[in-house]
């Protein structure tokens, strides 16, 4: 006879994993805000910019932002993606800049 599944413990493990992923997402968002220098903005301005970006449906505008992000990622100095935030499509960052 098979051992019955413990759905409660599986559900608890899934909930814990979801909580960890949400915490990691929040931490990464904070790292991104700092890495881009957006931490210098007041919260209202940053919130407005994010709301505008989230609401836009304009594909050309989104592509312009994506291109800007790629240029920033490839630039020297402060425009480096933190390792935890680096998109899979981003080229590896050379140590010598």
PDB file of N, CA and C in Angstrom:
ATOM      1  N   UNK A   1       0.834  -1.180   0.000  1.00  0.00           N
ATOM      2  CA  UNK A   1       0.000   0.000   0.000  1.00  0.00           C
ATOM      3  C   UNK A   1       0.886   1.253   0.000  1.00  0.00           C
ATOM      4  N   UNK A   2       0.487   2.235  -0.795  1.00  0.00           N
ATOM      5  CA  UNK A   2       1.242   3.481  -0.878  1.00  0.00           C
ATOM      6  C   UNK A   2       1.036   4.347   0.359  1.00  0.00           C
ATOM      7  N   UNK A   3       2.088   5.090   0.645  1.00  0.00           N
ATOM      8  CA  UNK A   3       2.026   6.041   1.750  1.00  0.00           C
ATOM      9  C   UNK A   3       1.185   7.239   1.308  1.00  0.00           C
ATOM     10  N   UNK A   4       0.214   7.657   2.099  1.00  0.00           N
ATOM     11  CA  UNK A   4      -0.608   8.810   1.708  1.00  0.00           C
ATOM     12  C   UNK A   4       0.217  10.106   1.706  1.00  0.00           C
ATOM     13  N   UNK A   5      -0.111  10.997   0.770  1.00  0.00           N
ATOM     14  CA  UNK A   5       0.590  12.270   0.689  1.00  0.00           C
ATOM     15  C   UNK A   5       0.148  13.186   1.819  1.00  0.00           C
ATOM     16  N   UNK A   6       1.094  13.928   2.319  1.00  0.00           N
ATOM     17  CA  UNK A   6       0.803  14.894   3.374  1.00  0.00           C
ATOM     18  C   UNK A   6       0.617  16.256   2.707  1.00  0.00           C
ATOM     19  N   UNK A   7      -0.617  16.524   2.300  1.00  0.00           N
ATOM     20  CA  UNK A   7      -0.903  17.751   1.576  1.00  0.00           C
ATOM     21  C   UNK A   7      -0.634  18.994   2.413  1.00  0.00           C
ATOM     22  N   UNK A   8      -0.887  18.902   3.706  1.00  0.00           N
ATOM     23  CA  UNK A   8      -0.658  20.064   4.571  1.00  0.00           C
ATOM     24  C   UNK A   8       0.809  20.474   4.588  1.00  0.00           C
ATOM     25  N   UNK A   9       1.705  19.500   4.721  1.00  0.00           N
ATOM     26  CA  UNK A   9       3.131  19.842   4.760  1.00  0.00           C
ATOM     27  C   UNK A   9       3.616  20.306   3.381  1.00  0.00           C
ATOM     28  N   UNK A  10       3.080  19.730   2.303  1.00  0.00           N
ATOM     29  CA  UNK A  10       3.446  20.183   0.965  1.00  0.00           C
ATOM     30  C   UNK A  10       2.981  21.613   0.729  1.00  0.00           C
ATOM     31  N   UNK A  11       1.776  21.925   1.174  1.00  0.00           N
ATOM     32  CA  UNK A  11       1.242  23.268   1.034  1.00  0.00           C
ATOM     33  C   UNK A  11       2.055  24.259   1.865  1.00  0.00           C
ATOM     34  N   UNK A  12       2.434  23.863   3.061  1.00  0.00           N
ATOM     35  CA  UNK A  12       3.250  24.714   3.915  1.00  0.00           C
ATOM     36  C   UNK A  12       4.611  24.975   3.264  1.00  0.00           C
ATOM     37  N   UNK A  13       5.214  23.950   2.676  1.00  0.00           N
ATOM     38  CA  UNK A  13       6.502  24.113   2.004  1.00  0.00           C
ATOM     39  C   UNK A  13       6.371  25.050   0.799  1.00  0.00           C
ATOM     40  N   UNK A  14       5.297  24.928   0.046  1.00  0.00           N
ATOM     41  CA  UNK A  14       5.067  25.811  -1.093  1.00  0.00           C
ATOM     42  C   UNK A  14       4.848  27.257  -0.644  1.00  0.00           C
ATOM     43  N   UNK A  15       4.109  27.437   0.427  1.00  0.00           N
ATOM     44  CA  UNK A  15       3.890  28.785   0.955  1.00  0.00           C
ATOM     45  C   UNK A  15       5.202  29.411   1.420  1.00  0.00           C
ATOM     46  N   UNK A  16       6.051  28.626   2.057  1.00  0.00           N
ATOM     47  CA  UNK A  16       7.351  29.129   2.510  1.00  0.00           C
ATOM     48  C   UNK A  16       8.222  29.512   1.315  1.00  0.00           C
ATOM     49  N   UNK A  17       8.203  28.696   0.283  1.00  0.00           N
ATOM     50  CA  UNK A  17       8.970  28.997  -0.930  1.00  0.00           C
ATOM     51  C   UNK A  17       8.458  30.283  -1.581  1.00  0.00           C
ATOM     52  N   UNK A  18       7.148  30.454  -1.632  1.00  0.00           N
ATOM     53  CA  UNK A  18       6.563  31.664  -2.204  1.00  0.00           C
ATOM     54  C   UNK A  18       6.969  32.892  -1.393  1.00  0.00           C
ATOM     55  N   UNK A  19       7.003  32.760  -0.081  1.00  0.00           N
ATOM     56  CA  UNK A  19       7.409  33.866   0.784  1.00  0.00           C
ATOM     57  C   UNK A  19       8.869  34.233   0.539  1.00  0.00           C
ATOM     58  N   UNK A  20       9.727  33.229   0.374  1.00  0.00           N
ATOM     59  CA  UNK A  20      11.144  33.475   0.087  1.00  0.00           C
ATOM     60  C   UNK A  20      11.313  34.172  -1.260  1.00  0.00           C
ATOM     61  N   UNK A  21      10.580  33.731  -2.265  1.00  0.00           N
ATOM     62  CA  UNK A  21      10.671  34.338  -3.592  1.00  0.00           C
ATOM     63  C   UNK A  21      10.194  35.797  -3.563  1.00  0.00           C
ATOM     64  N   UNK A  22       9.144  36.068  -2.812  1.00  0.00           N
ATOM     65  CA  UNK A  22       8.643  37.438  -2.715  1.00  0.00           C
ATOM     66  C   UNK A  22       9.668  38.330  -2.010  1.00  0.00           C
ATOM     67  N   UNK A  23      10.281  37.821  -0.958  1.00  0.00           N
ATOM     68  CA  UNK A  23      11.314  38.594  -0.254  1.00  0.00           C
ATOM     69  C   UNK A  23      12.496  38.877  -1.167  1.00  0.00           C
ATOM     70  N   UNK A  24      12.892  37.886  -1.940  1.00  0.00           N
ATOM     71  CA  UNK A  24      14.007  38.061  -2.877  1.00  0.00           C
ATOM     72  C   UNK A  24      13.672  39.097  -3.946  1.00  0.00           C
ATOM     73  N   UNK A  25      12.437  39.065  -4.423  1.00  0.00           N
ATOM     74  CA  UNK A  25      11.988  40.023  -5.433  1.00  0.00           C
ATOM     75  C   UNK A  25      12.044  41.451  -4.885  1.00  0.00           C
ATOM     76  N   UNK A  26      11.595  41.635  -3.653  1.00  0.00           N
ATOM     77  CA  UNK A  26      11.624  42.958  -3.032  1.00  0.00           C
ATOM     78  C   UNK A  26      13.062  43.436  -2.858  1.00  0.00           C
ATOM     79  N   UNK A  27      13.935  42.549  -2.418  1.00  0.00           N
ATOM     80  CA  UNK A  27      15.347  42.894  -2.248  1.00  0.00           C
ATOM     81  C   UNK A  27      15.975  43.278  -3.586  1.00  0.00           C
ATOM     82  N   UNK A  28      15.690  42.531  -4.630  1.00  0.00           N
ATOM     83  CA  UNK A  28      16.245  42.817  -5.950  1.00  0.00           C
ATOM     84  C   UNK A  28      15.723  44.140  -6.493  1.00  0.00           C
ATOM     85  N   UNK A  29      14.462  44.448  -6.240  1.00  0.00           N
ATOM     86  CA  UNK A  29      13.920  45.726  -6.688  1.00  0.00           C
ATOM     87  C   UNK A  29      14.645  46.875  -5.987  1.00  0.00           C
ATOM     88  N   UNK A  30      14.890  46.726  -4.701  1.00  0.00           N
ATOM     89  CA  UNK A  30      15.648  47.745  -3.975  1.00  0.00           C
ATOM     90  C   UNK A  30      17.056  47.899  -4.515  1.00  0.00           C
ATOM     91  N   UNK A  31      17.702  46.787  -4.830  1.00  0.00           N
ATOM     92  CA  UNK A  31      19.049  46.836  -5.405  1.00  0.00           C
ATOM     93  C   UNK A  31      19.040  47.543  -6.754  1.00  0.00           C
ATOM     94  N   UNK A  32      18.005  47.295  -7.544  1.00  0.00           N
ATOM     95  CA  UNK A  32      17.893  47.941  -8.853  1.00  0.00           C
ATOM     96  C   UNK A  32      17.691  49.446  -8.706  1.00  0.00           C
ATOM     97  N   UNK A  33      16.861  49.849  -7.774  1.00  0.00           N
ATOM     98  CA  UNK A  33      16.625  51.270  -7.536  1.00  0.00           C
ATOM     99  C   UNK A  33      17.937  51.949  -7.162  1.00  0.00           C
ATOM    100  N   UNK A  34      18.714  51.325  -6.305  1.00  0.00           N
ATOM    101  CA  UNK A  34      19.996  51.897  -5.891  1.00  0.00           C
ATOM    102  C   UNK A  34      20.989  51.902  -7.049  1.00  0.00           C
ATOM    103  N   UNK A  35      21.064  50.797  -7.786  1.00  0.00           N
ATOM    104  CA  UNK A  35      22.032  50.677  -8.880  1.00  0.00           C
ATOM    105  C   UNK A  35      21.784  51.705  -9.978  1.00  0.00           C
ATOM    106  N   UNK A  36      20.524  52.049 -10.214  1.00  0.00           N
ATOM    107  CA  UNK A  36      20.205  53.011 -11.265  1.00  0.00           C
ATOM    108  C   UNK A  36      20.298  54.455 -10.790  1.00  0.00           C
ATOM    109  N   UNK A  37      20.470  54.645  -9.495  1.00  0.00           N
ATOM    110  CA  UNK A  37      20.521  55.991  -8.945  1.00  0.00           C
ATOM    111  C   UNK A  37      19.141  56.559  -8.668  1.00  0.00           C
ATOM    112  N   UNK A  38      18.112  55.745  -8.856  1.00  0.00           N
ATOM    113  CA  UNK A  38      16.746  56.208  -8.625  1.00  0.00           C
ATOM    114  C   UNK A  38      16.449  56.420  -7.151  1.00  0.00           C
ATOM    115  N   UNK A  39      17.337  55.973  -6.273  1.00  0.00           N
ATOM    116  CA  UNK A  39      17.139  56.212  -4.843  1.00  0.00           C
ATOM    117  C   UNK A  39      17.293  57.691  -4.501  1.00  0.00           C
ATOM    118  N   UNK A  40      17.831  58.478  -5.423  1.00  0.00           N
ATOM    119  CA  UNK A  40      17.956  59.922  -5.214  1.00  0.00           C
ATOM    120  C   UNK A  40      16.621  60.634  -5.454  1.00  0.00           C
ATOM    121  N   UNK A  41      15.689  59.967  -6.123  1.00  0.00           N
ATOM    122  CA  UNK A  41      14.371  60.557  -6.372  1.00  0.00           C
ATOM    123  C   UNK A  41      13.517  60.476  -5.111  1.00  0.00           C
ATOM    124  N   UNK A  42      12.602  61.430  -4.985  1.00  0.00           N
ATOM    125  CA  UNK A  42      11.675  61.320  -3.863  1.00  0.00           C
ATOM    126  C   UNK A  42      10.686  60.195  -4.183  1.00  0.00           C
ATOM    127  N   UNK A  43      10.120  59.578  -3.151  1.00  0.00           N
ATOM    128  CA  UNK A  43       9.236  58.422  -3.370  1.00  0.00           C
ATOM    129  C   UNK A  43       8.056  58.716  -4.301  1.00  0.00           C
ATOM    130  N   UNK A  44       7.502  59.922  -4.231  1.00  0.00           N
ATOM    131  CA  UNK A  44       6.352  60.248  -5.077  1.00  0.00           C
ATOM    132  C   UNK A  44       6.739  60.257  -6.556  1.00  0.00           C
ATOM    133  N   UNK A  45       7.909  60.806  -6.874  1.00  0.00           N
ATOM    134  CA  UNK A  45       8.373  60.848  -8.262  1.00  0.00           C
ATOM    135  C   UNK A  45       8.653  59.443  -8.777  1.00  0.00           C
ATOM    136  N   UNK A  46       9.327  58.654  -7.971  1.00  0.00           N
ATOM    137  CA  UNK A  46       9.628  57.276  -8.361  1.00  0.00           C
ATOM    138  C   UNK A  46       8.344  56.475  -8.551  1.00  0.00           C
ATOM    139  N   UNK A  47       7.399  56.641  -7.649  1.00  0.00           N
ATOM    140  CA  UNK A  47       6.118  55.946  -7.768  1.00  0.00           C
ATOM    141  C   UNK A  47       5.399  56.360  -9.053  1.00  0.00           C
ATOM    142  N   UNK A  48       5.381  57.657  -9.336  1.00  0.00           N
ATOM    143  CA  UNK A  48       4.729  58.139 -10.555  1.00  0.00           C
ATOM    144  C   UNK A  48       5.373  57.578 -11.811  1.00  0.00           C
ATOM    145  N   UNK A  49       6.707  57.524 -11.817  1.00  0.00           N
ATOM    146  CA  UNK A  49       7.416  56.984 -12.978  1.00  0.00           C
ATOM    147  C   UNK A  49       7.096  55.497 -13.163  1.00  0.00           C
ATOM    148  N   UNK A  50       7.080  54.760 -12.084  1.00  0.00           N
ATOM    149  CA  UNK A  50       6.773  53.330 -12.173  1.00  0.00           C
ATOM    150  C   UNK A  50       5.328  53.091 -12.593  1.00  0.00           C
ATOM    151  N   UNK A  51       4.413  53.895 -12.073  1.00  0.00           N
ATOM    152  CA  UNK A  51       3.008  53.762 -12.483  1.00  0.00           C
ATOM    153  C   UNK A  51       2.843  54.062 -13.968  1.00  0.00           C
ATOM    154  N   UNK A  52       3.536  55.081 -14.445  1.00  0.00           N
ATOM    155  CA  UNK A  52       3.472  55.413 -15.870  1.00  0.00           C
ATOM    156  C   UNK A  52       4.025  54.284 -16.724  1.00  0.00           C
ATOM    157  N   UNK A  53       5.123  53.712 -16.301  1.00  0.00           N
ATOM    158  CA  UNK A  53       5.719  52.608 -17.052  1.00  0.00           C
ATOM    159  C   UNK A  53       4.806  51.379 -17.035  1.00  0.00           C
ATOM    160  N   UNK A  54       4.188  51.117 -15.914  1.00  0.00           N
ATOM    161  CA  UNK A  54       3.319  49.944 -15.803  1.00  0.00           C
ATOM    162  C   UNK A  54       2.047  50.100 -16.631  1.00  0.00           C
ATOM    163  N   UNK A  55       1.582  51.329 -16.799  1.00  0.00           N
ATOM    164  CA  UNK A  55       0.321  51.563 -17.519  1.00  0.00           C
ATOM    165  C   UNK A  55       0.490  51.657 -19.031  1.00  0.00           C
ATOM    166  N   UNK A  56       1.690  51.978 -19.501  1.00  0.00           N
ATOM    167  CA  UNK A  56       1.857  52.209 -20.937  1.00  0.00           C
ATOM    168  C   UNK A  56       1.680  50.919 -21.734  1.00  0.00           C
ATOM    169  N   UNK A  57       1.022  51.079 -22.865  1.00  0.00           N
ATOM    170  CA  UNK A  57       0.823  49.954 -23.791  1.00  0.00           C
ATOM    171  C   UNK A  57       1.611  50.189 -25.076  1.00  0.00           C
ATOM    172  N   UNK A  58       2.286  51.332 -25.166  1.00  0.00           N
ATOM    173  CA  UNK A  58       3.010  51.715 -26.369  1.00  0.00           C
ATOM    174  C   UNK A  58       4.269  50.855 -26.536  1.00  0.00           C
ATOM    175  N   UNK A  59       4.269  50.001 -27.532  1.00  0.00           N
ATOM    176  CA  UNK A  59       5.387  49.084 -27.766  1.00  0.00           C
ATOM    177  C   UNK A  59       6.674  49.831 -28.099  1.00  0.00           C
ATOM    178  N   UNK A  60       6.572  50.941 -28.825  1.00  0.00           N
ATOM    179  CA  UNK A  60       7.766  51.716 -29.187  1.00  0.00           C
ATOM    180  C   UNK A  60       8.406  52.332 -27.946  1.00  0.00           C
ATOM    181  N   UNK A  61       7.580  52.825 -27.046  1.00  0.00           N
ATOM    182  CA  UNK A  61       8.100  53.416 -25.814  1.00  0.00           C
ATOM    183  C   UNK A  61       8.773  52.346 -24.946  1.00  0.00           C
ATOM    184  N   UNK A  62       8.151  51.188 -24.843  1.00  0.00           N
ATOM    185  CA  UNK A  62       8.743  50.096 -24.071  1.00  0.00           C
ATOM    186  C   UNK A  62      10.068  49.648 -24.689  1.00  0.00           C
ATOM    187  N   UNK A  63      10.126  49.591 -26.004  1.00  0.00           N
ATOM    188  CA  UNK A  63      11.367  49.199 -26.683  1.00  0.00           C
ATOM    189  C   UNK A  63      12.447  50.256 -26.460  1.00  0.00           C
ATOM    190  N   UNK A  64      12.078  51.516 -26.429  1.00  0.00           N
ATOM    191  CA  UNK A  64      13.043  52.582 -26.148  1.00  0.00           C
ATOM    192  C   UNK A  64      13.612  52.421 -24.737  1.00  0.00           C
ATOM    193  N   UNK A  65      12.758  52.074 -23.796  1.00  0.00           N
ATOM    194  CA  UNK A  65      13.230  51.840 -22.419  1.00  0.00           C
ATOM    195  C   UNK A  65      14.154  50.635 -22.372  1.00  0.00           C
ATOM    196  N   UNK A  66      13.784  49.580 -23.107  1.00  0.00           N
ATOM    197  CA  UNK A  66      14.601  48.364 -23.138  1.00  0.00           C
ATOM    198  C   UNK A  66      15.983  48.672 -23.727  1.00  0.00           C
ATOM    199  N   UNK A  67      16.003  49.458 -24.800  1.00  0.00           N
ATOM    200  CA  UNK A  67      17.269  49.851 -25.428  1.00  0.00           C
ATOM    201  C   UNK A  67      18.104  50.689 -24.474  1.00  0.00           C
ATOM    202  N   UNK A  68      17.455  51.610 -23.788  1.00  0.00           N
ATOM    203  CA  UNK A  68      18.149  52.433 -22.800  1.00  0.00           C
ATOM    204  C   UNK A  68      18.741  51.562 -21.700  1.00  0.00           C
ATOM    205  N   UNK A  69      18.011  50.565 -21.281  1.00  0.00           N
ATOM    206  CA  UNK A  69      18.494  49.641 -20.249  1.00  0.00           C
ATOM    207  C   UNK A  69      19.719  48.874 -20.732  1.00  0.00           C
ATOM    208  N   UNK A  70      19.684  48.443 -21.983  1.00  0.00           N
ATOM    209  CA  UNK A  70      20.827  47.709 -22.533  1.00  0.00           C
ATOM    210  C   UNK A  70      22.060  48.600 -22.604  1.00  0.00           C
ATOM    211  N   UNK A  71      21.862  49.857 -23.027  1.00  0.00           N
ATOM    212  CA  UNK A  71      23.000  50.800 -23.072  1.00  0.00           C
ATOM    213  C   UNK A  71      23.547  51.034 -21.670  1.00  0.00           C
ATOM    214  N   UNK A  72      22.679  51.198 -20.702  1.00  0.00           N
ATOM    215  CA  UNK A  72      23.093  51.421 -19.316  1.00  0.00           C
ATOM    216  C   UNK A  72      23.881  50.215 -18.795  1.00  0.00           C
ATOM    217  N   UNK A  73      23.375  49.033 -19.094  1.00  0.00           N
ATOM    218  CA  UNK A  73      24.021  47.805 -18.627  1.00  0.00           C
ATOM    219  C   UNK A  73      25.412  47.662 -19.213  1.00  0.00           C
ATOM    220  N   UNK A  74      25.586  48.105 -20.462  1.00  0.00           N
ATOM    221  CA  UNK A  74      26.868  47.951 -21.139  1.00  0.00           C
ATOM    222  C   UNK A  74      27.837  49.085 -20.844  1.00  0.00           C
ATOM    223  N   UNK A  75      27.352  50.142 -20.213  1.00  0.00           N
ATOM    224  CA  UNK A  75      28.214  51.291 -19.941  1.00  0.00           C
ATOM    225  C   UNK A  75      29.193  50.981 -18.809  1.00  0.00           C
ATOM    226  N   UNK A  76      30.193  51.813 -18.686  1.00  0.00           N
ATOM    227  CA  UNK A  76      31.176  51.602 -17.616  1.00  0.00           C
ATOM    228  C   UNK A  76      30.715  52.277 -16.341  1.00  0.00           C
ATOM    229  N   UNK A  77      31.356  51.937 -15.258  1.00  0.00           N
ATOM    230  CA  UNK A  77      31.103  52.588 -13.974  1.00  0.00           C
ATOM    231  C   UNK A  77      29.834  52.121 -13.302  1.00  0.00           C
ATOM    232  N   UNK A  78      28.982  53.087 -12.931  1.00  0.00           N
ATOM    233  CA  UNK A  78      27.825  52.776 -12.096  1.00  0.00           C
ATOM    234  C   UNK A  78      26.696  52.092 -12.842  1.00  0.00           C
ATOM    235  N   UNK A  79      26.743  52.057 -14.162  1.00  0.00           N
ATOM    236  CA  UNK A  79      25.661  51.463 -14.922  1.00  0.00           C
ATOM    237  C   UNK A  79      25.781  49.960 -15.058  1.00  0.00           C
ATOM    238  N   UNK A  80      26.242  49.290 -14.044  1.00  0.00           N
ATOM    239  CA  UNK A  80      26.385  47.834 -14.091  1.00  0.00           C
ATOM    240  C   UNK A  80      25.222  47.162 -13.386  1.00  0.00           C
ATOM    241  N   UNK A  81      24.736  46.112 -14.011  1.00  0.00           N
ATOM    242  CA  UNK A  81      23.710  45.322 -13.353  1.00  0.00           C
ATOM    243  C   UNK A  81      24.330  44.617 -12.163  1.00  0.00           C
ATOM    244  N   UNK A  82      23.731  44.726 -10.983  1.00  0.00           N
ATOM    245  CA  UNK A  82      24.185  43.879  -9.886  1.00  0.00           C
ATOM    246  C   UNK A  82      24.004  42.423 -10.304  1.00  0.00           C
ATOM    247  N   UNK A  83      24.886  41.563  -9.891  1.00  0.00           N
ATOM    248  CA  UNK A  83      24.866  40.165 -10.312  1.00  0.00           C
ATOM    249  C   UNK A  83      23.499  39.529 -10.116  1.00  0.00           C
ATOM    250  N   UNK A  84      22.864  39.784  -8.978  1.00  0.00           N
ATOM    251  CA  UNK A  84      21.566  39.177  -8.695  1.00  0.00           C
ATOM    252  C   UNK A  84      20.475  39.665  -9.629  1.00  0.00           C
ATOM    253  N   UNK A  85      20.677  40.829 -10.241  1.00  0.00           N
ATOM    254  CA  UNK A  85      19.653  41.416 -11.102  1.00  0.00           C
ATOM    255  C   UNK A  85      19.929  41.259 -12.578  1.00  0.00           C
ATOM    256  N   UNK A  86      21.118  40.784 -12.932  1.00  0.00           N
ATOM    257  CA  UNK A  86      21.514  40.721 -14.332  1.00  0.00           C
ATOM    258  C   UNK A  86      20.561  39.818 -15.106  1.00  0.00           C
ATOM    259  N   UNK A  87      19.949  40.359 -16.174  1.00  0.00           N
ATOM    260  CA  UNK A  87      19.064  39.526 -16.979  1.00  0.00           C
ATOM    261  C   UNK A  87      19.836  38.406 -17.675  1.00  0.00           C
ATOM    262  N   UNK A  88      19.155  37.330 -17.950  1.00  0.00           N
ATOM    263  CA  UNK A  88      19.816  36.208 -18.622  1.00  0.00           C
ATOM    264  C   UNK A  88      20.353  36.620 -19.976  1.00  0.00           C
ATOM    265  N   UNK A  89      19.726  37.611 -20.601  1.00  0.00           N
ATOM    266  CA  UNK A  89      20.168  38.054 -21.931  1.00  0.00           C
ATOM    267  C   UNK A  89      21.382  38.980 -21.862  1.00  0.00           C
ATOM    268  N   UNK A  90      21.736  39.434 -20.665  1.00  0.00           N
ATOM    269  CA  UNK A  90      22.863  40.373 -20.538  1.00  0.00           C
ATOM    270  C   UNK A  90      24.182  39.646 -20.700  1.00  0.00           C
ATOM    271  N   UNK A  91      25.082  40.302 -21.373  1.00  0.00           N
ATOM    272  CA  UNK A  91      26.409  39.738 -21.555  1.00  0.00           C
ATOM    273  C   UNK A  91      27.143  39.739 -20.221  1.00  0.00           C
ATOM    274  N   UNK A  92      28.044  38.789 -20.012  1.00  0.00           N
ATOM    275  CA  UNK A  92      28.816  38.805 -18.771  1.00  0.00           C
ATOM    276  C   UNK A  92      29.603  40.094 -18.651  1.00  0.00           C
ATOM    277  N   UNK A  93      29.766  40.555 -17.434  1.00  0.00           N
ATOM    278  CA  UNK A  93      30.485  41.795 -17.198  1.00  0.00           C
ATOM    279  C   UNK A  93      31.953  41.466 -16.953  1.00  0.00           C
ATOM    280  N   UNK A  94      32.815  42.151 -17.685  1.00  0.00           N
ATOM    281  CA  UNK A  94      34.248  41.933 -17.520  1.00  0.00           C
ATOM    282  C   UNK A  94      34.731  42.633 -16.259  1.00  0.00           C
ATOM    283  N   UNK A  95      35.648  42.008 -15.564  1.00  0.00           N
ATOM    284  CA  UNK A  95      36.175  42.563 -14.320  1.00  0.00           C
ATOM    285  C   UNK A  95      36.989  43.821 -14.569  1.00  0.00           C
ATOM    286  N   UNK A  96      37.625  43.940 -15.724  1.00  0.00           N
ATOM    287  CA  UNK A  96      38.475  45.097 -15.988  1.00  0.00           C
ATOM    288  C   UNK A  96      37.718  46.281 -16.561  1.00  0.00           C
ATOM    289  N   UNK A  97      36.399  46.162 -16.659  1.00  0.00           N
ATOM    290  CA  UNK A  97      35.570  47.279 -17.097  1.00  0.00           C
ATOM    291  C   UNK A  97      35.537  47.398 -18.560  1.00  0.00           C
TER     292      UNK A  97
END
